[in-house]
Amino acid sequence: MIIGKLLLDEFEIDCDYVTGNCTIEGHESKTHVWLEYEGYKIDITADQFRDLFRITEEIVVSANHELYKYFEVKETRKISEHFPNELRTPYILIRDLIYN
């Protein structure tokens, strides 16, 4: 969400914050979140699925990456419509580190 907020505030890119869930036989259910914008998935934590789905990238920015075929989308929200108050302080700290 923090990256989505940075994209919104600095570049007027209003991403969708997407939550998804997958269940694979023999594994516990996995929940994951990523950003989407104009058909592209932006995922800075894709590498957590390295072993499970044989993901080689640490970060994914792709319109058709195979990782997302495993996930059923549960919720999609625009960053502009929902940014939690509890993330405002960390957001400001990170933004200030980047731009100061």
N, C-alpha and C. Protein backbone atom coordinates (compact mmCIF):
# COMPACT_ATOMS: atom_id res chain seq x y z
N MET A 1 0.81 -1.19 0.00
CA MET A 1 0.00 0.00 0.00
C MET A 1 0.86 1.26 0.00
N ILE A 2 1.99 1.21 0.67
CA ILE A 2 2.86 2.38 0.72
C ILE A 2 3.40 2.70 -0.67
N ILE A 3 3.80 1.70 -1.41
CA ILE A 3 4.27 1.95 -2.78
C ILE A 3 3.14 2.51 -3.63
N GLY A 4 1.94 1.98 -3.48
CA GLY A 4 0.79 2.50 -4.20
C GLY A 4 0.53 3.96 -3.87
N LYS A 5 0.66 4.32 -2.61
CA LYS A 5 0.45 5.71 -2.19
C LYS A 5 1.54 6.62 -2.76
N LEU A 6 2.78 6.14 -2.79
CA LEU A 6 3.86 6.91 -3.41
C LEU A 6 3.58 7.14 -4.90
N LEU A 7 3.15 6.10 -5.59
CA LEU A 7 2.82 6.23 -7.02
C LEU A 7 1.69 7.23 -7.23
N LEU A 8 0.71 7.20 -6.34
CA LEU A 8 -0.42 8.12 -6.45
C LEU A 8 0.02 9.56 -6.19
N ASP A 9 0.71 9.78 -5.10
CA ASP A 9 1.08 11.14 -4.71
C ASP A 9 2.15 11.77 -5.61
N GLU A 10 3.10 10.98 -6.05
CA GLU A 10 4.22 11.53 -6.81
C GLU A 10 4.00 11.52 -8.32
N PHE A 11 3.19 10.56 -8.83
CA PHE A 11 3.05 10.41 -10.28
C PHE A 11 1.59 10.36 -10.75
N GLU A 12 0.65 10.54 -9.82
CA GLU A 12 -0.78 10.48 -10.12
C GLU A 12 -1.19 9.15 -10.76
N ILE A 13 -0.54 8.09 -10.34
CA ILE A 13 -0.88 6.73 -10.77
C ILE A 13 -1.70 6.09 -9.66
N ASP A 14 -2.98 5.87 -9.93
CA ASP A 14 -3.89 5.33 -8.92
C ASP A 14 -4.06 3.82 -9.13
N CYS A 15 -3.23 3.07 -8.44
CA CYS A 15 -3.23 1.61 -8.57
C CYS A 15 -4.39 0.98 -7.81
N ASP A 16 -4.70 -0.24 -8.21
CA ASP A 16 -5.59 -1.09 -7.42
C ASP A 16 -4.73 -1.88 -6.45
N TYR A 17 -5.18 -1.98 -5.21
CA TYR A 17 -4.58 -2.84 -4.19
C TYR A 17 -5.40 -4.12 -4.23
N VAL A 18 -4.76 -5.23 -4.58
CA VAL A 18 -5.46 -6.49 -4.83
C VAL A 18 -5.05 -7.53 -3.80
N THR A 19 -6.04 -8.21 -3.23
CA THR A 19 -5.76 -9.34 -2.35
C THR A 19 -6.27 -10.61 -3.04
N GLY A 20 -5.48 -11.65 -2.93
CA GLY A 20 -5.85 -12.92 -3.53
C GLY A 20 -5.52 -14.07 -2.61
N ASN A 21 -6.10 -15.20 -2.91
CA ASN A 21 -5.93 -16.39 -2.10
C ASN A 21 -5.76 -17.59 -3.01
N CYS A 22 -4.91 -18.51 -2.61
CA CYS A 22 -4.78 -19.76 -3.38
C CYS A 22 -4.66 -20.93 -2.41
N THR A 23 -5.14 -22.05 -2.86
CA THR A 23 -5.00 -23.29 -2.11
C THR A 23 -4.41 -24.32 -3.06
N ILE A 24 -3.30 -24.90 -2.66
CA ILE A 24 -2.65 -25.93 -3.46
C ILE A 24 -2.59 -27.18 -2.62
N GLU A 25 -2.96 -28.27 -3.24
CA GLU A 25 -3.01 -29.55 -2.52
C GLU A 25 -1.68 -29.82 -1.81
N GLY A 26 -1.77 -30.14 -0.55
CA GLY A 26 -0.58 -30.45 0.24
C GLY A 26 0.05 -29.24 0.89
N HIS A 27 -0.52 -28.05 0.67
CA HIS A 27 0.01 -26.81 1.25
C HIS A 27 -1.13 -26.06 1.92
N GLU A 28 -0.79 -25.27 2.93
CA GLU A 28 -1.82 -24.46 3.54
C GLU A 28 -2.20 -23.33 2.57
N SER A 29 -3.38 -22.80 2.75
CA SER A 29 -3.86 -21.71 1.92
C SER A 29 -2.90 -20.51 2.01
N LYS A 30 -2.66 -19.88 0.90
CA LYS A 30 -1.75 -18.73 0.84
C LYS A 30 -2.54 -17.49 0.45
N THR A 31 -2.30 -16.40 1.17
CA THR A 31 -2.88 -15.11 0.85
C THR A 31 -1.76 -14.21 0.35
N HIS A 32 -2.08 -13.37 -0.61
CA HIS A 32 -1.06 -12.50 -1.19
C HIS A 32 -1.70 -11.18 -1.60
N VAL A 33 -0.90 -10.13 -1.63
CA VAL A 33 -1.36 -8.83 -2.11
C VAL A 33 -0.38 -8.29 -3.14
N TRP A 34 -0.90 -7.50 -4.07
CA TRP A 34 -0.08 -6.86 -5.09
C TRP A 34 -0.83 -5.64 -5.59
N LEU A 35 -0.16 -4.84 -6.39
CA LEU A 35 -0.79 -3.69 -7.02
C LEU A 35 -1.07 -4.01 -8.48
N GLU A 36 -2.09 -3.38 -9.04
CA GLU A 36 -2.36 -3.49 -10.47
C GLU A 36 -2.64 -2.11 -11.03
N TYR A 37 -2.12 -1.91 -12.25
CA TYR A 37 -2.36 -0.65 -12.94
C TYR A 37 -2.33 -0.90 -14.44
N GLU A 38 -3.41 -0.55 -15.10
CA GLU A 38 -3.54 -0.71 -16.55
C GLU A 38 -3.10 -2.09 -17.02
N GLY A 39 -3.54 -3.12 -16.30
CA GLY A 39 -3.26 -4.49 -16.68
C GLY A 39 -1.94 -5.06 -16.17
N TYR A 40 -1.12 -4.23 -15.58
CA TYR A 40 0.17 -4.69 -15.05
C TYR A 40 0.06 -5.00 -13.57
N LYS A 41 0.71 -6.08 -13.17
CA LYS A 41 0.85 -6.42 -11.77
C LYS A 41 2.18 -5.90 -11.28
N ILE A 42 2.16 -5.26 -10.11
CA ILE A 42 3.37 -4.71 -9.49
C ILE A 42 3.47 -5.39 -8.13
N ASP A 43 4.50 -6.20 -7.97
CA ASP A 43 4.57 -7.06 -6.80
C ASP A 43 5.99 -7.10 -6.27
N ILE A 44 6.20 -6.45 -5.12
CA ILE A 44 7.56 -6.41 -4.56
C ILE A 44 7.85 -7.58 -3.63
N THR A 45 6.89 -8.48 -3.45
CA THR A 45 7.11 -9.63 -2.55
C THR A 45 6.87 -10.96 -3.26
N ALA A 46 6.98 -10.97 -4.57
CA ALA A 46 6.75 -12.20 -5.33
C ALA A 46 7.72 -13.32 -4.94
N ASP A 47 8.90 -12.94 -4.51
CA ASP A 47 9.91 -13.95 -4.19
C ASP A 47 9.54 -14.84 -3.01
N GLN A 48 8.52 -14.49 -2.24
CA GLN A 48 8.11 -15.38 -1.15
C GLN A 48 7.52 -16.68 -1.69
N PHE A 49 7.21 -16.72 -2.99
CA PHE A 49 6.66 -17.92 -3.61
C PHE A 49 7.69 -18.65 -4.47
N ARG A 50 8.94 -18.32 -4.25
CA ARG A 50 10.04 -18.89 -5.04
C ARG A 50 9.99 -20.42 -5.05
N ASP A 51 9.87 -21.03 -3.90
CA ASP A 51 9.89 -22.49 -3.83
C ASP A 51 8.56 -23.11 -4.25
N LEU A 52 7.47 -22.51 -3.85
CA LEU A 52 6.16 -23.07 -4.11
C LEU A 52 5.80 -23.05 -5.59
N PHE A 53 6.08 -21.94 -6.27
CA PHE A 53 5.69 -21.78 -7.67
C PHE A 53 6.86 -21.64 -8.62
N ARG A 54 8.06 -21.86 -8.12
CA ARG A 54 9.28 -21.73 -8.92
C ARG A 54 9.41 -20.34 -9.53
N ILE A 55 9.19 -19.34 -8.72
CA ILE A 55 9.33 -17.96 -9.14
C ILE A 55 10.81 -17.59 -9.07
N THR A 56 11.34 -17.01 -10.12
CA THR A 56 12.76 -16.64 -10.13
C THR A 56 12.97 -15.16 -9.82
N GLU A 57 11.97 -14.34 -10.06
CA GLU A 57 12.11 -12.91 -9.83
C GLU A 57 11.86 -12.56 -8.36
N GLU A 58 12.55 -11.55 -7.88
CA GLU A 58 12.27 -11.04 -6.55
C GLU A 58 11.11 -10.06 -6.61
N ILE A 59 11.06 -9.29 -7.68
CA ILE A 59 10.02 -8.30 -7.89
C ILE A 59 9.41 -8.56 -9.26
N VAL A 60 8.08 -8.46 -9.35
CA VAL A 60 7.39 -8.68 -10.62
C VAL A 60 6.69 -7.39 -11.03
N VAL A 61 6.92 -6.99 -12.26
CA VAL A 61 6.13 -5.96 -12.93
C VAL A 61 5.83 -6.57 -14.30
N SER A 62 4.59 -7.04 -14.46
CA SER A 62 4.27 -7.82 -15.64
C SER A 62 2.77 -7.80 -15.92
N ALA A 63 2.43 -7.88 -17.18
CA ALA A 63 1.02 -7.98 -17.56
C ALA A 63 0.55 -9.43 -17.57
N ASN A 64 1.45 -10.38 -17.64
CA ASN A 64 1.02 -11.77 -17.79
C ASN A 64 1.91 -12.78 -17.06
N HIS A 65 2.36 -12.46 -15.88
CA HIS A 65 3.22 -13.37 -15.12
C HIS A 65 2.39 -14.57 -14.64
N GLU A 66 2.97 -15.74 -14.71
CA GLU A 66 2.27 -16.98 -14.36
C GLU A 66 1.87 -17.09 -12.89
N LEU A 67 2.54 -16.37 -12.00
CA LEU A 67 2.24 -16.46 -10.57
C LEU A 67 0.76 -16.21 -10.29
N TYR A 68 0.16 -15.26 -10.97
CA TYR A 68 -1.18 -14.80 -10.62
C TYR A 68 -2.29 -15.72 -11.09
N LYS A 69 -1.94 -16.70 -11.91
CA LYS A 69 -2.96 -17.69 -12.31
C LYS A 69 -3.33 -18.60 -11.14
N TYR A 70 -2.49 -18.65 -10.12
CA TYR A 70 -2.76 -19.48 -8.96
C TYR A 70 -3.68 -18.82 -7.94
N PHE A 71 -3.89 -17.53 -8.06
CA PHE A 71 -4.62 -16.77 -7.05
C PHE A 71 -6.01 -16.38 -7.53
N GLU A 72 -6.97 -16.57 -6.65
CA GLU A 72 -8.32 -16.07 -6.86
C GLU A 72 -8.40 -14.71 -6.18
N VAL A 73 -8.77 -13.69 -6.94
CA VAL A 73 -8.87 -12.34 -6.38
C VAL A 73 -10.03 -12.29 -5.40
N LYS A 74 -9.76 -11.79 -4.22
CA LYS A 74 -10.78 -11.68 -3.17
C LYS A 74 -11.29 -10.24 -3.03
N GLU A 75 -10.39 -9.27 -3.23
CA GLU A 75 -10.80 -7.88 -3.06
C GLU A 75 -9.87 -6.99 -3.88
N THR A 76 -10.45 -5.95 -4.44
CA THR A 76 -9.69 -4.94 -5.17
C THR A 76 -10.16 -3.57 -4.69
N ARG A 77 -9.20 -2.72 -4.32
CA ARG A 77 -9.52 -1.36 -3.85
C ARG A 77 -8.55 -0.38 -4.48
N LYS A 78 -9.06 0.78 -4.85
CA LYS A 78 -8.21 1.86 -5.33
C LYS A 78 -7.43 2.44 -4.15
N ILE A 79 -6.16 2.71 -4.36
CA ILE A 79 -5.35 3.33 -3.33
C ILE A 79 -5.96 4.68 -2.92
N SER A 80 -6.48 5.42 -3.90
CA SER A 80 -7.05 6.74 -3.62
C SER A 80 -8.29 6.66 -2.73
N GLU A 81 -8.94 5.53 -2.72
CA GLU A 81 -10.17 5.37 -1.95
C GLU A 81 -9.95 4.76 -0.57
N HIS A 82 -8.81 4.15 -0.38
CA HIS A 82 -8.57 3.49 0.90
C HIS A 82 -7.08 3.42 1.19
N PHE A 83 -6.64 4.24 2.11
CA PHE A 83 -5.28 4.14 2.62
C PHE A 83 -5.39 4.20 4.13
N PRO A 84 -5.04 3.11 4.82
CA PRO A 84 -5.27 3.02 6.27
C PRO A 84 -4.50 4.08 7.07
N ASN A 85 -5.15 4.63 8.06
CA ASN A 85 -4.53 5.63 8.93
C ASN A 85 -3.26 5.10 9.58
N GLU A 86 -3.24 3.81 9.93
CA GLU A 86 -2.07 3.26 10.62
C GLU A 86 -0.83 3.21 9.72
N LEU A 87 -1.00 3.40 8.40
CA LEU A 87 0.16 3.43 7.50
C LEU A 87 0.63 4.84 7.18
N ARG A 88 -0.08 5.84 7.63
CA ARG A 88 0.28 7.23 7.29
C ARG A 88 1.66 7.63 7.84
N THR A 89 1.95 7.29 9.08
CA THR A 89 3.26 7.65 9.65
C THR A 89 4.39 6.91 8.93
N PRO A 90 4.32 5.58 8.76
CA PRO A 90 5.39 4.92 8.00
C PRO A 90 5.52 5.46 6.57
N TYR A 91 4.38 5.78 5.95
CA TYR A 91 4.40 6.34 4.60
C TYR A 91 5.19 7.66 4.57
N ILE A 92 4.91 8.54 5.49
CA ILE A 92 5.59 9.83 5.55
C ILE A 92 7.09 9.64 5.78
N LEU A 93 7.46 8.74 6.67
CA LEU A 93 8.87 8.47 6.94
C LEU A 93 9.58 7.95 5.68
N ILE A 94 8.97 7.01 5.00
CA ILE A 94 9.58 6.44 3.79
C ILE A 94 9.64 7.48 2.68
N ARG A 95 8.56 8.22 2.49
CA ARG A 95 8.54 9.27 1.47
C ARG A 95 9.63 10.29 1.73
N ASP A 96 9.78 10.70 2.99
CA ASP A 96 10.80 11.69 3.32
C ASP A 96 12.22 11.15 3.10
N LEU A 97 12.44 9.87 3.37
CA LEU A 97 13.75 9.27 3.11
C LEU A 97 14.06 9.25 1.62
N ILE A 98 13.06 9.02 0.81
CA ILE A 98 13.28 8.96 -0.64
C ILE A 98 13.52 10.35 -1.23
N TYR A 99 12.75 11.31 -0.80
CA TYR A 99 12.76 12.62 -1.47
C TYR A 99 13.55 13.71 -0.74
N ASN A 100 14.13 13.40 0.41
CA ASN A 100 14.93 14.41 1.11
C ASN A 100 16.38 14.04 1.16
